[in-house]
PDB file of all heavy atoms in Angstrom:
ATOM      1  N   LEU A   1     101.333 121.675 109.084  1.00  0.00           N
ATOM      2  CA  LEU A   1     101.772 120.515 109.929  1.00  0.00           C
ATOM      3  C   LEU A   1     101.969 120.994 111.394  1.00  0.00           C
ATOM      4  O   LEU A   1     102.544 121.941 111.623  1.00  0.00           O
ATOM      5  CB  LEU A   1     103.245 120.159 109.444  1.00  0.00           C
ATOM      6  CG  LEU A   1     104.023 119.087 110.344  1.00  0.00           C
ATOM      7  CD1 LEU A   1     103.231 117.718 110.306  1.00  0.00           C
ATOM      8  CD2 LEU A   1     105.355 118.845 109.699  1.00  0.00           C
ATOM      9  N   CYS A   2     101.296 120.151 112.223  1.00  0.00           N
ATOM     10  CA  CYS A   2     101.357 120.562 113.691  1.00  0.00           C
ATOM     11  C   CYS A   2     102.510 119.647 114.459  1.00  0.00           C
ATOM     12  O   CYS A   2     102.287 118.399 114.276  1.00  0.00           O
ATOM     13  CB  CYS A   2     100.086 120.261 114.344  1.00  0.00           C
ATOM     14  SG  CYS A   2      99.918 120.594 116.073  1.00  0.00           S
ATOM     15  N   ASN A   3     103.469 120.313 114.659  1.00  0.00           N
ATOM     16  CA  ASN A   3     104.602 119.608 115.345  1.00  0.00           C
ATOM     17  C   ASN A   3     104.306 119.467 116.800  1.00  0.00           C
ATOM     18  O   ASN A   3     104.226 120.391 117.664  1.00  0.00           O
ATOM     19  CB  ASN A   3     105.920 120.400 115.245  1.00  0.00           C
ATOM     20  CG  ASN A   3     107.099 119.602 115.610  1.00  0.00           C
ATOM     21  OD1 ASN A   3     107.071 118.885 116.657  1.00  0.00           O
ATOM     22  ND2 ASN A   3     108.290 119.875 115.188  1.00  0.00           N
ATOM     23  N   GLU A   4     103.891 118.255 117.242  1.00  0.00           N
ATOM     24  CA  GLU A   4     103.461 118.018 118.607  1.00  0.00           C
ATOM     25  C   GLU A   4     104.602 118.110 119.752  1.00  0.00           C
ATOM     26  O   GLU A   4     104.239 118.382 120.841  1.00  0.00           O
ATOM     27  CB  GLU A   4     102.785 116.652 118.724  1.00  0.00           C
ATOM     28  CG  GLU A   4     101.524 116.632 117.881  1.00  0.00           C
ATOM     29  CD  GLU A   4     100.875 115.282 117.891  1.00  0.00           C
ATOM     30  OE1 GLU A   4     101.283 114.357 118.665  1.00  0.00           O
ATOM     31  OE2 GLU A   4      99.902 115.032 117.098  1.00  0.00           O
ATOM     32  N   GLU A   5     105.831 117.960 119.414  1.00  0.00           N
ATOM     33  CA  GLU A   5     106.895 118.057 120.372  1.00  0.00           C
ATOM     34  C   GLU A   5     106.972 119.382 120.794  1.00  0.00           C
ATOM     35  O   GLU A   5     107.265 119.651 122.055  1.00  0.00           O
ATOM     36  CB  GLU A   5     108.279 117.677 119.677  1.00  0.00           C
ATOM     37  CG  GLU A   5     108.233 116.101 119.319  1.00  0.00           C
ATOM     38  CD  GLU A   5     109.599 115.726 118.739  1.00  0.00           C
ATOM     39  OE1 GLU A   5     110.549 116.551 118.670  1.00  0.00           O
ATOM     40  OE2 GLU A   5     109.625 114.573 118.304  1.00  0.00           O
ATOM     41  N   ASN A   6     107.004 120.555 119.959  1.00  0.00           N
ATOM     42  CA  ASN A   6     107.156 121.850 120.410  1.00  0.00           C
ATOM     43  C   ASN A   6     105.879 122.792 120.126  1.00  0.00           C
ATOM     44  O   ASN A   6     106.074 123.950 120.309  1.00  0.00           O
ATOM     45  CB  ASN A   6     108.499 122.430 119.852  1.00  0.00           C
ATOM     46  CG  ASN A   6     108.488 122.369 118.311  1.00  0.00           C
ATOM     47  OD1 ASN A   6     107.493 122.178 117.691  1.00  0.00           O
ATOM     48  ND2 ASN A   6     109.588 122.608 117.724  1.00  0.00           N
ATOM     49  N   MET A   7     104.877 122.088 119.667  1.00  0.00           N
ATOM     50  CA  MET A   7     103.718 122.775 119.399  1.00  0.00           C
ATOM     51  C   MET A   7     103.659 123.879 118.311  1.00  0.00           C
ATOM     52  O   MET A   7     103.127 124.998 118.503  1.00  0.00           O
ATOM     53  CB  MET A   7     102.976 123.248 120.664  1.00  0.00           C
ATOM     54  CG  MET A   7     102.485 122.122 121.684  1.00  0.00           C
ATOM     55  SD  MET A   7     101.633 120.902 120.845  1.00  0.00           S
ATOM     56  CE  MET A   7     100.085 121.661 120.688  1.00  0.00           C
ATOM     57  N   LYS A   8     104.549 123.694 117.340  1.00  0.00           N
ATOM     58  CA  LYS A   8     104.672 124.707 116.349  1.00  0.00           C
ATOM     59  C   LYS A   8     103.909 124.321 115.071  1.00  0.00           C
ATOM     60  O   LYS A   8     103.681 123.127 114.914  1.00  0.00           O
ATOM     61  CB  LYS A   8     106.094 124.854 115.938  1.00  0.00           C
ATOM     62  CG  LYS A   8     107.005 125.550 116.843  1.00  0.00           C
ATOM     63  CD  LYS A   8     108.351 125.880 116.188  1.00  0.00           C
ATOM     64  CE  LYS A   8     109.253 126.669 117.160  1.00  0.00           C
ATOM     65  NZ  LYS A   8     110.517 126.932 116.684  1.00  0.00           N
ATOM     66  N   ILE A   9     103.338 125.274 114.422  1.00  0.00           N
ATOM     67  CA  ILE A   9     102.630 125.035 113.146  1.00  0.00           C
ATOM     68  C   ILE A   9     103.464 125.398 112.054  1.00  0.00           C
ATOM     69  O   ILE A   9     104.056 126.622 111.876  1.00  0.00           O
ATOM     70  CB  ILE A   9     101.316 125.882 113.151  1.00  0.00           C
ATOM     71  CG1 ILE A   9     100.425 125.339 114.336  1.00  0.00           C
ATOM     72  CG2 ILE A   9     100.637 125.655 111.837  1.00  0.00           C
ATOM     73  CD1 ILE A   9      99.234 126.283 114.552  1.00  0.00           C
ATOM     74  N   ILE A  10     103.769 124.434 111.187  1.00  0.00           N
ATOM     75  CA  ILE A  10     104.688 124.612 110.054  1.00  0.00           C
ATOM     76  C   ILE A  10     103.921 124.678 108.751  1.00  0.00           C
ATOM     77  O   ILE A  10     103.356 123.571 108.458  1.00  0.00           O
ATOM     78  CB  ILE A  10     105.858 123.535 109.993  1.00  0.00           C
ATOM     79  CG1 ILE A  10     106.535 123.561 111.316  1.00  0.00           C
ATOM     80  CG2 ILE A  10     106.843 123.797 108.873  1.00  0.00           C
ATOM     81  CD1 ILE A  10     107.446 122.414 111.585  1.00  0.00           C
ATOM     82  N   PRO A  11     103.867 125.681 107.988  1.00  0.00           N
ATOM     83  CA  PRO A  11     103.199 125.639 106.670  1.00  0.00           C
ATOM     84  C   PRO A  11     104.104 124.880 105.642  1.00  0.00           C
ATOM     85  O   PRO A  11     105.222 125.035 105.527  1.00  0.00           O
ATOM     86  CB  PRO A  11     102.988 127.145 106.215  1.00  0.00           C
ATOM     87  CG  PRO A  11     104.096 127.790 107.016  1.00  0.00           C
ATOM     88  CD  PRO A  11     104.422 126.963 108.217  1.00  0.00           C
ATOM     89  N   ILE A  12     103.405 124.117 104.729  1.00  0.00           N
ATOM     90  CA  ILE A  12     104.170 123.377 103.667  1.00  0.00           C
ATOM     91  C   ILE A  12     103.434 123.733 102.486  1.00  0.00           C
ATOM     92  O   ILE A  12     102.121 123.438 102.429  1.00  0.00           O
ATOM     93  CB  ILE A  12     104.113 121.937 103.988  1.00  0.00           C
ATOM     94  CG1 ILE A  12     104.785 121.695 105.257  1.00  0.00           C
ATOM     95  CG2 ILE A  12     104.689 121.058 102.826  1.00  0.00           C
ATOM     96  CD1 ILE A  12     104.828 120.176 105.763  1.00  0.00           C
ATOM     97  N   GLN A  13     104.005 124.144 101.355  1.00  0.00           N
ATOM     98  CA  GLN A  13     103.312 124.339 100.123  1.00  0.00           C
ATOM     99  C   GLN A  13     103.460 123.200  99.244  1.00  0.00           C
ATOM    100  O   GLN A  13     104.670 122.699  99.086  1.00  0.00           O
ATOM    101  CB  GLN A  13     103.909 125.696  99.442  1.00  0.00           C
ATOM    102  CG  GLN A  13     103.080 125.932  98.225  1.00  0.00           C
ATOM    103  CD  GLN A  13     103.561 127.332  97.559  1.00  0.00           C
ATOM    104  OE1 GLN A  13     104.565 127.569  97.770  1.00  0.00           O
ATOM    105  NE2 GLN A  13     102.638 127.863  96.911  1.00  0.00           N
ATOM    106  N   VAL A  14     102.376 122.697  98.547  1.00  0.00           N
ATOM    107  CA  VAL A  14     102.491 121.579  97.709  1.00  0.00           C
ATOM    108  C   VAL A  14     102.965 122.172  96.363  1.00  0.00           C
ATOM    109  O   VAL A  14     102.333 123.206  95.722  1.00  0.00           O
ATOM    110  CB  VAL A  14     100.994 121.033  97.437  1.00  0.00           C
ATOM    111  CG1 VAL A  14     101.096 120.041  96.356  1.00  0.00           C
ATOM    112  CG2 VAL A  14     100.393 120.567  98.745  1.00  0.00           C
ATOM    113  N   ILE A  15     104.075 121.693  95.932  1.00  0.00           N
ATOM    114  CA  ILE A  15     104.692 122.220  94.687  1.00  0.00           C
ATOM    115  C   ILE A  15     104.663 121.294  93.494  1.00  0.00           C
ATOM    116  O   ILE A  15     105.051 121.701  92.397  1.00  0.00           O
ATOM    117  CB  ILE A  15     106.124 122.779  94.971  1.00  0.00           C
ATOM    118  CG1 ILE A  15     107.017 121.481  95.408  1.00  0.00           C
ATOM    119  CG2 ILE A  15     106.169 123.902  96.075  1.00  0.00           C
ATOM    120  CD1 ILE A  15     108.482 121.761  95.394  1.00  0.00           C
ATOM    121  N   GLU A  16     104.292 120.030  93.611  1.00  0.00           N
ATOM    122  CA  GLU A  16     104.335 119.154  92.620  1.00  0.00           C
ATOM    123  C   GLU A  16     103.374 117.916  92.981  1.00  0.00           C
ATOM    124  O   GLU A  16     103.197 117.466  94.012  1.00  0.00           O
ATOM    125  CB  GLU A  16     105.746 118.573  92.514  1.00  0.00           C
ATOM    126  CG  GLU A  16     105.992 117.675  91.297  1.00  0.00           C
ATOM    127  CD  GLU A  16     107.430 117.218  91.189  1.00  0.00           C
ATOM    128  OE1 GLU A  16     108.397 117.750  91.983  1.00  0.00           O
ATOM    129  OE2 GLU A  16     107.813 116.269  90.297  1.00  0.00           O
ATOM    130  N   GLU A  17     102.632 117.470  91.857  1.00  0.00           N
ATOM    131  CA  GLU A  17     101.803 116.341  91.921  1.00  0.00           C
ATOM    132  C   GLU A  17     102.350 115.278  90.925  1.00  0.00           C
ATOM    133  O   GLU A  17     102.584 115.648  89.730  1.00  0.00           O
ATOM    134  CB  GLU A  17     100.415 116.744  91.467  1.00  0.00           C
ATOM    135  CG  GLU A  17      99.545 115.562  91.433  1.00  0.00           C
ATOM    136  CD  GLU A  17      98.124 115.896  90.876  1.00  0.00           C
ATOM    137  OE1 GLU A  17      97.425 116.416  91.747  1.00  0.00           O
ATOM    138  OE2 GLU A  17      97.859 115.571  89.719  1.00  0.00           O
ATOM    139  N   ILE A  18     102.579 114.055  91.425  1.00  0.00           N
ATOM    140  CA  ILE A  18     103.280 113.021  90.584  1.00  0.00           C
ATOM    141  C   ILE A  18     102.178 111.964  90.403  1.00  0.00           C
ATOM    142  O   ILE A  18     101.774 111.325  91.451  1.00  0.00           O
ATOM    143  CB  ILE A  18     104.478 112.489  91.277  1.00  0.00           C
ATOM    144  CG1 ILE A  18     105.641 113.695  91.257  1.00  0.00           C
ATOM    145  CG2 ILE A  18     105.034 111.389  90.401  1.00  0.00           C
ATOM    146  CD1 ILE A  18     106.643 113.336  92.291  1.00  0.00           C
ATOM    147  N   THR A  19     101.797 111.541  89.142  1.00  0.00           N
ATOM    148  CA  THR A  19     100.862 110.545  89.013  1.00  0.00           C
ATOM    149  C   THR A  19     101.547 109.288  88.267  1.00  0.00           C
ATOM    150  O   THR A  19     102.212 109.560  87.302  1.00  0.00           O
ATOM    151  CB  THR A  19      99.655 110.971  88.107  1.00  0.00           C
ATOM    152  OG1 THR A  19      99.082 112.177  88.746  1.00  0.00           O
ATOM    153  CG2 THR A  19      98.590 109.871  87.864  1.00  0.00           C
ATOM    154  N   ARG A  20     101.571 108.196  88.922  1.00  0.00           N
ATOM    155  CA  ARG A  20     102.162 107.037  88.315  1.00  0.00           C
ATOM    156  C   ARG A  20     101.162 105.949  88.081  1.00  0.00           C
ATOM    157  O   ARG A  20     100.319 105.614  88.960  1.00  0.00           O
ATOM    158  CB  ARG A  20     103.241 106.421  89.335  1.00  0.00           C
ATOM    159  CG  ARG A  20     104.003 105.245  88.756  1.00  0.00           C
ATOM    160  CD  ARG A  20     105.145 104.927  89.548  1.00  0.00           C
ATOM    161  NE  ARG A  20     105.046 104.908  90.993  1.00  0.00           N
ATOM    162  CZ  ARG A  20     105.745 104.328  91.873  1.00  0.00           C
ATOM    163  NH1 ARG A  20     106.733 103.528  91.366  1.00  0.00           N
ATOM    164  NH2 ARG A  20     105.674 104.362  93.175  1.00  0.00           N
ATOM    165  N   THR A  21     101.214 105.470  86.866  1.00  0.00           N
ATOM    166  CA  THR A  21     100.219 104.448  86.436  1.00  0.00           C
ATOM    167  C   THR A  21     100.947 103.131  86.292  1.00  0.00           C
ATOM    168  O   THR A  21     101.870 103.070  85.446  1.00  0.00           O
ATOM    169  CB  THR A  21      99.590 104.828  85.056  1.00  0.00           C
ATOM    170  OG1 THR A  21      98.825 106.164  85.203  1.00  0.00           O
ATOM    171  CG2 THR A  21      98.490 103.845  84.676  1.00  0.00           C
ATOM    172  N   THR A  22     100.470 102.127  86.952  1.00  0.00           N
ATOM    173  CA  THR A  22     101.000 100.779  86.875  1.00  0.00           C
ATOM    174  C   THR A  22      99.949  99.789  86.545  1.00  0.00           C
ATOM    175  O   THR A  22      98.800 100.148  86.470  1.00  0.00           O
ATOM    176  CB  THR A  22     101.717 100.477  88.156  1.00  0.00           C
ATOM    177  OG1 THR A  22     100.721 100.320  89.192  1.00  0.00           O
ATOM    178  CG2 THR A  22     102.736 101.428  88.556  1.00  0.00           C
ATOM    179  N   ILE A  23     100.292  98.620  86.496  1.00  0.00           N
ATOM    180  CA  ILE A  23      99.413  97.525  86.187  1.00  0.00           C
ATOM    181  C   ILE A  23      98.334  97.401  87.298  1.00  0.00           C
ATOM    182  O   ILE A  23      97.260  96.985  87.187  1.00  0.00           O
ATOM    183  CB  ILE A  23     100.008  96.198  85.966  1.00  0.00           C
ATOM    184  CG1 ILE A  23      99.168  95.261  85.213  1.00  0.00           C
ATOM    185  CG2 ILE A  23     100.694  95.541  87.197  1.00  0.00           C
ATOM    186  CD1 ILE A  23      99.835  94.055  84.526  1.00  0.00           C
ATOM    187  N   GLU A  24      98.791  97.868  88.426  1.00  0.00           N
ATOM    188  CA  GLU A  24      97.975  97.715  89.711  1.00  0.00           C
ATOM    189  C   GLU A  24      96.989  98.965  89.937  1.00  0.00           C
ATOM    190  O   GLU A  24      96.237  99.017  90.735  1.00  0.00           O
ATOM    191  CB  GLU A  24      98.789  97.627  90.894  1.00  0.00           C
ATOM    192  CG  GLU A  24      99.591  96.264  91.005  1.00  0.00           C
ATOM    193  CD  GLU A  24     100.672  96.324  91.886  1.00  0.00           C
ATOM    194  OE1 GLU A  24     101.056  97.257  92.472  1.00  0.00           O
ATOM    195  OE2 GLU A  24     101.373  95.215  92.021  1.00  0.00           O
ATOM    196  N   GLY A  25      97.185 100.074  88.972  1.00  0.00           N
ATOM    197  CA  GLY A  25      96.292 101.275  89.049  1.00  0.00           C
ATOM    198  C   GLY A  25      97.104 102.456  89.041  1.00  0.00           C
ATOM    199  O   GLY A  25      98.309 102.528  88.837  1.00  0.00           O
ATOM    200  N   LYS A  26      96.540 103.483  89.369  1.00  0.00           N
ATOM    201  CA  LYS A  26      97.120 104.846  89.433  1.00  0.00           C
ATOM    202  C   LYS A  26      97.465 105.165  90.879  1.00  0.00           C
ATOM    203  O   LYS A  26      96.649 104.886  91.872  1.00  0.00           O
ATOM    204  CB  LYS A  26      96.177 105.832  88.845  1.00  0.00           C
ATOM    205  CG  LYS A  26      96.030 105.899  87.298  1.00  0.00           C
ATOM    206  CD  LYS A  26      95.384 107.023  86.825  1.00  0.00           C
ATOM    207  CE  LYS A  26      95.209 106.889  85.381  1.00  0.00           C
ATOM    208  NZ  LYS A  26      94.803 108.088  84.575  1.00  0.00           N
ATOM    209  N   GLU A  27      98.517 105.941  91.122  1.00  0.00           N
ATOM    210  CA  GLU A  27      99.030 106.311  92.491  1.00  0.00           C
ATOM    211  C   GLU A  27      99.497 107.737  92.376  1.00  0.00           C
ATOM    212  O   GLU A  27     100.180 108.178  91.428  1.00  0.00           O
ATOM    213  CB  GLU A  27     100.179 105.398  92.781  1.00  0.00           C
ATOM    214  CG  GLU A  27     100.728 105.737  94.104  1.00  0.00           C
ATOM    215  CD  GLU A  27     102.036 104.873  94.425  1.00  0.00           C
ATOM    216  OE1 GLU A  27     101.982 103.723  94.391  1.00  0.00           O
ATOM    217  OE2 GLU A  27     103.035 105.488  94.508  1.00  0.00           O
ATOM    218  N   LYS A  28      98.923 108.578  93.288  1.00  0.00           N
ATOM    219  CA  LYS A  28      99.384 109.954  93.265  1.00  0.00           C
ATOM    220  C   LYS A  28     100.295 110.254  94.439  1.00  0.00           C
ATOM    221  O   LYS A  28     100.002 109.831  95.540  1.00  0.00           O
ATOM    222  CB  LYS A  28      98.205 110.932  93.338  1.00  0.00           C
ATOM    223  CG  LYS A  28      97.480 111.156  92.146  1.00  0.00           C
ATOM    224  CD  LYS A  28      96.345 112.322  92.275  1.00  0.00           C
ATOM    225  CE  LYS A  28      95.663 112.335  90.876  1.00  0.00           C
ATOM    226  NZ  LYS A  28      94.548 113.447  90.997  1.00  0.00           N
ATOM    227  N   ASN A  29     101.441 110.922  94.298  1.00  0.00           N
ATOM    228  CA  ASN A  29     102.234 111.492  95.206  1.00  0.00           C
ATOM    229  C   ASN A  29     102.420 112.993  95.190  1.00  0.00           C
ATOM    230  O   ASN A  29     102.354 113.418  94.021  1.00  0.00           O
ATOM    231  CB  ASN A  29     103.636 110.802  95.193  1.00  0.00           C
ATOM    232  CG  ASN A  29     103.585 109.305  95.642  1.00  0.00           C
ATOM    233  OD1 ASN A  29     103.081 109.070  96.735  1.00  0.00           O
ATOM    234  ND2 ASN A  29     104.197 108.525  94.817  1.00  0.00           N
ATOM    235  N   TYR A  30     102.640 113.569  96.282  1.00  0.00           N
ATOM    236  CA  TYR A  30     102.864 115.060  96.283  1.00  0.00           C
ATOM    237  C   TYR A  30     104.163 115.470  96.910  1.00  0.00           C
ATOM    238  O   TYR A  30     104.509 114.762  97.940  1.00  0.00           O
ATOM    239  CB  TYR A  30     101.628 115.636  97.070  1.00  0.00           C
ATOM    240  CG  TYR A  30     100.372 115.419  96.481  1.00  0.00           C
ATOM    241  CD1 TYR A  30      99.532 114.250  96.806  1.00  0.00           C
ATOM    242  CD2 TYR A  30      99.737 116.275  95.420  1.00  0.00           C
ATOM    243  CE1 TYR A  30      98.390 114.047  96.247  1.00  0.00           C
ATOM    244  CE2 TYR A  30      98.553 115.938  94.885  1.00  0.00           C
ATOM    245  CZ  TYR A  30      97.848 114.851  95.270  1.00  0.00           C
ATOM    246  OH  TYR A  30      96.637 114.603  94.710  1.00  0.00           O
ATOM    247  N   ILE A  31     104.706 116.403  96.393  1.00  0.00           N
ATOM    248  CA  ILE A  31     105.959 117.066  96.839  1.00  0.00           C
ATOM    249  C   ILE A  31     105.570 118.419  97.390  1.00  0.00           C
ATOM    250  O   ILE A  31     105.014 119.155  96.775  1.00  0.00           O
ATOM    251  CB  ILE A  31     107.138 117.094  95.822  1.00  0.00           C
ATOM    252  CG1 ILE A  31     107.465 115.711  95.132  1.00  0.00           C
ATOM    253  CG2 ILE A  31     108.319 117.722  96.367  1.00  0.00           C
ATOM    254  CD1 ILE A  31     107.861 114.738  95.996  1.00  0.00           C
ATOM    255  N   GLY A  32     106.078 118.760  98.634  1.00  0.00           N
ATOM    256  CA  GLY A  32     105.948 119.959  99.317  1.00  0.00           C
ATOM    257  C   GLY A  32     107.279 120.615  99.602  1.00  0.00           C
ATOM    258  O   GLY A  32     108.319 119.886  99.591  1.00  0.00           O
ATOM    259  N   THR A  33     107.245 121.803  99.926  1.00  0.00           N
ATOM    260  CA  THR A  33     108.488 122.550 100.400  1.00  0.00           C
ATOM    261  C   THR A  33     108.219 123.309 101.842  1.00  0.00           C
ATOM    262  O   THR A  33     107.059 123.745 101.899  1.00  0.00           O
ATOM    263  CB  THR A  33     108.895 123.529  99.161  1.00  0.00           C
ATOM    264  OG1 THR A  33     110.155 124.118  99.592  1.00  0.00           O
ATOM    265  CG2 THR A  33     107.888 124.690  98.990  1.00  0.00           C
ATOM    266  N   PHE A  34     109.298 123.192 102.406  1.00  0.00           N
ATOM    267  CA  PHE A  34     109.210 123.972 103.835  1.00  0.00           C
ATOM    268  C   PHE A  34     109.592 125.419 103.539  1.00  0.00           C
ATOM    269  O   PHE A  34     110.308 125.732 102.757  1.00  0.00           O
ATOM    270  CB  PHE A  34     110.161 123.149 104.773  1.00  0.00           C
ATOM    271  CG  PHE A  34     109.654 121.924 105.326  1.00  0.00           C
ATOM    272  CD1 PHE A  34     110.127 120.719 104.903  1.00  0.00           C
ATOM    273  CD2 PHE A  34     108.703 121.835 106.227  1.00  0.00           C
ATOM    274  CE1 PHE A  34     109.695 119.595 105.354  1.00  0.00           C
ATOM    275  CE2 PHE A  34     108.255 120.707 106.823  1.00  0.00           C
ATOM    276  CZ  PHE A  34     108.806 119.520 106.320  1.00  0.00           C
ATOM    277  N   PRO A  35     109.246 126.199 104.448  1.00  0.00           N
ATOM    278  CA  PRO A  35     109.588 127.729 104.468  1.00  0.00           C
ATOM    279  C   PRO A  35     110.822 127.955 104.922  1.00  0.00           C
ATOM    280  O   PRO A  35     111.051 129.046 105.499  1.00  0.00           O
ATOM    281  CB  PRO A  35     108.373 128.396 105.189  1.00  0.00           C
ATOM    282  CG  PRO A  35     108.071 127.312 106.279  1.00  0.00           C
ATOM    283  CD  PRO A  35     108.197 126.119 105.610  1.00  0.00           C
ATOM    284  N   ASP A  36     111.873 127.121 104.801  1.00  0.00           N
ATOM    285  CA  ASP A  36     113.242 127.413 105.301  1.00  0.00           C
ATOM    286  C   ASP A  36     114.024 128.069 104.143  1.00  0.00           C
ATOM    287  O   ASP A  36     113.548 128.195 103.046  1.00  0.00           O
ATOM    288  CB  ASP A  36     113.931 126.270 105.819  1.00  0.00           C
ATOM    289  CG  ASP A  36     114.105 125.054 104.748  1.00  0.00           C
ATOM    290  OD1 ASP A  36     113.633 125.144 103.703  1.00  0.00           O
ATOM    291  OD2 ASP A  36     114.577 123.976 105.267  1.00  0.00           O
ATOM    292  N   SER A  37     115.218 128.488 104.439  1.00  0.00           N
ATOM    293  CA  SER A  37     116.043 129.290 103.506  1.00  0.00           C
ATOM    294  C   SER A  37     116.485 128.338 102.328  1.00  0.00           C
ATOM    295  O   SER A  37     116.739 128.806 101.300  1.00  0.00           O
ATOM    296  CB  SER A  37     117.276 129.798 104.129  1.00  0.00           C
ATOM    297  OG  SER A  37     118.025 128.795 104.663  1.00  0.00           O
ATOM    298  N   LYS A  38     116.484 127.124 102.525  1.00  0.00           N
ATOM    299  CA  LYS A  38     117.032 126.183 101.541  1.00  0.00           C
ATOM    300  C   LYS A  38     115.755 125.610 100.670  1.00  0.00           C
ATOM    301  O   LYS A  38     115.857 124.819  99.705  1.00  0.00           O
ATOM    302  CB  LYS A  38     117.668 124.927 101.953  1.00  0.00           C
ATOM    303  CG  LYS A  38     119.029 125.297 102.730  1.00  0.00           C
ATOM    304  CD  LYS A  38     119.673 124.191 103.300  1.00  0.00           C
ATOM    305  CE  LYS A  38     120.862 124.486 104.107  1.00  0.00           C
ATOM    306  NZ  LYS A  38     121.600 123.332 104.620  1.00  0.00           N
ATOM    307  N   LYS A  39     114.524 125.995 101.025  1.00  0.00           N
ATOM    308  CA  LYS A  39     113.355 125.504 100.338  1.00  0.00           C
ATOM    309  C   LYS A  39     113.287 124.042 100.376  1.00  0.00           C
ATOM    310  O   LYS A  39     113.153 123.393  99.360  1.00  0.00           O
ATOM    311  CB  LYS A  39     113.148 126.091  99.073  1.00  0.00           C
ATOM    312  CG  LYS A  39     112.988 127.521  99.047  1.00  0.00           C
ATOM    313  CD  LYS A  39     111.687 127.961  99.597  1.00  0.00           C
ATOM    314  CE  LYS A  39     111.497 129.599  99.486  1.00  0.00           C
ATOM    315  NZ  LYS A  39     110.261 130.072 100.185  1.00  0.00           N
ATOM    316  N   THR A  40     113.465 123.268 101.548  1.00  0.00           N
ATOM    317  CA  THR A  40     113.684 121.842 101.513  1.00  0.00           C
ATOM    318  C   THR A  40     112.408 121.281 101.115  1.00  0.00           C
ATOM    319  O   THR A  40     111.291 121.531 101.362  1.00  0.00           O
ATOM    320  CB  THR A  40     113.809 121.339 103.075  1.00  0.00           C
ATOM    321  OG1 THR A  40     114.979 122.031 103.607  1.00  0.00           O
ATOM    322  CG2 THR A  40     113.940 119.940 103.173  1.00  0.00           C
ATOM    323  N   LYS A  41     112.500 120.265 100.161  1.00  0.00           N
ATOM    324  CA  LYS A  41     111.408 119.458  99.542  1.00  0.00           C
ATOM    325  C   LYS A  41     111.200 118.111 100.286  1.00  0.00           C
ATOM    326  O   LYS A  41     112.324 117.514 100.626  1.00  0.00           O
ATOM    327  CB  LYS A  41     111.780 119.215  98.101  1.00  0.00           C
ATOM    328  CG  LYS A  41     111.741 120.374  97.155  1.00  0.00           C
ATOM    329  CD  LYS A  41     112.092 120.106  95.860  1.00  0.00           C
ATOM    330  CE  LYS A  41     112.128 121.395  94.968  1.00  0.00           C
ATOM    331  NZ  LYS A  41     112.566 121.023  93.571  1.00  0.00           N
ATOM    332  N   ILE A  42     110.022 117.726 100.338  1.00  0.00           N
ATOM    333  CA  ILE A  42     109.704 116.509 100.992  1.00  0.00           C
ATOM    334  C   ILE A  42     108.456 115.806 100.379  1.00  0.00           C
ATOM    335  O   ILE A  42     107.675 116.552  99.881  1.00  0.00           O
ATOM    336  CB  ILE A  42     109.501 116.732 102.463  1.00  0.00           C
ATOM    337  CG1 ILE A  42     109.344 115.470 103.310  1.00  0.00           C
ATOM    338  CG2 ILE A  42     108.293 117.526 102.725  1.00  0.00           C
ATOM    339  CD1 ILE A  42     109.351 115.489 104.893  1.00  0.00           C
ATOM    340  N   ASN A  43     108.515 114.495 100.337  1.00  0.00           N
ATOM    341  CA  ASN A  43     107.317 113.848  99.985  1.00  0.00           C
ATOM    342  C   ASN A  43     106.286 113.876 100.921  1.00  0.00           C
ATOM    343  O   ASN A  43     106.571 113.447 101.931  1.00  0.00           O
ATOM    344  CB  ASN A  43     107.745 112.305  99.606  1.00  0.00           C
ATOM    345  CG  ASN A  43     106.623 111.538  98.847  1.00  0.00           C
ATOM    346  OD1 ASN A  43     105.349 111.728  99.089  1.00  0.00           O
ATOM    347  ND2 ASN A  43     106.984 110.632  97.941  1.00  0.00           N
ATOM    348  N   ILE A  44     105.114 114.337 100.619  1.00  0.00           N
ATOM    349  CA  ILE A  44     104.126 114.568 101.834  1.00  0.00           C
ATOM    350  C   ILE A  44     103.594 113.359 102.423  1.00  0.00           C
ATOM    351  O   ILE A  44     103.370 113.325 103.516  1.00  0.00           O
ATOM    352  CB  ILE A  44     102.981 115.300 101.171  1.00  0.00           C
ATOM    353  CG1 ILE A  44     103.539 116.748 100.849  1.00  0.00           C
ATOM    354  CG2 ILE A  44     101.771 115.423 102.088  1.00  0.00           C
ATOM    355  CD1 ILE A  44     102.549 117.731 100.252  1.00  0.00           C
TER     356      ILE A  44
END
């Protein structure tokens, strides 16, 4: 992730892939984690 405010590059590791199937089709979401001490999780 390129943070344009302070021009830092932040690595995010993909830790989960979620596939949801509905009547409208399939949808994939990914969860990533930041390299901080709390291992903060975020929906990519």
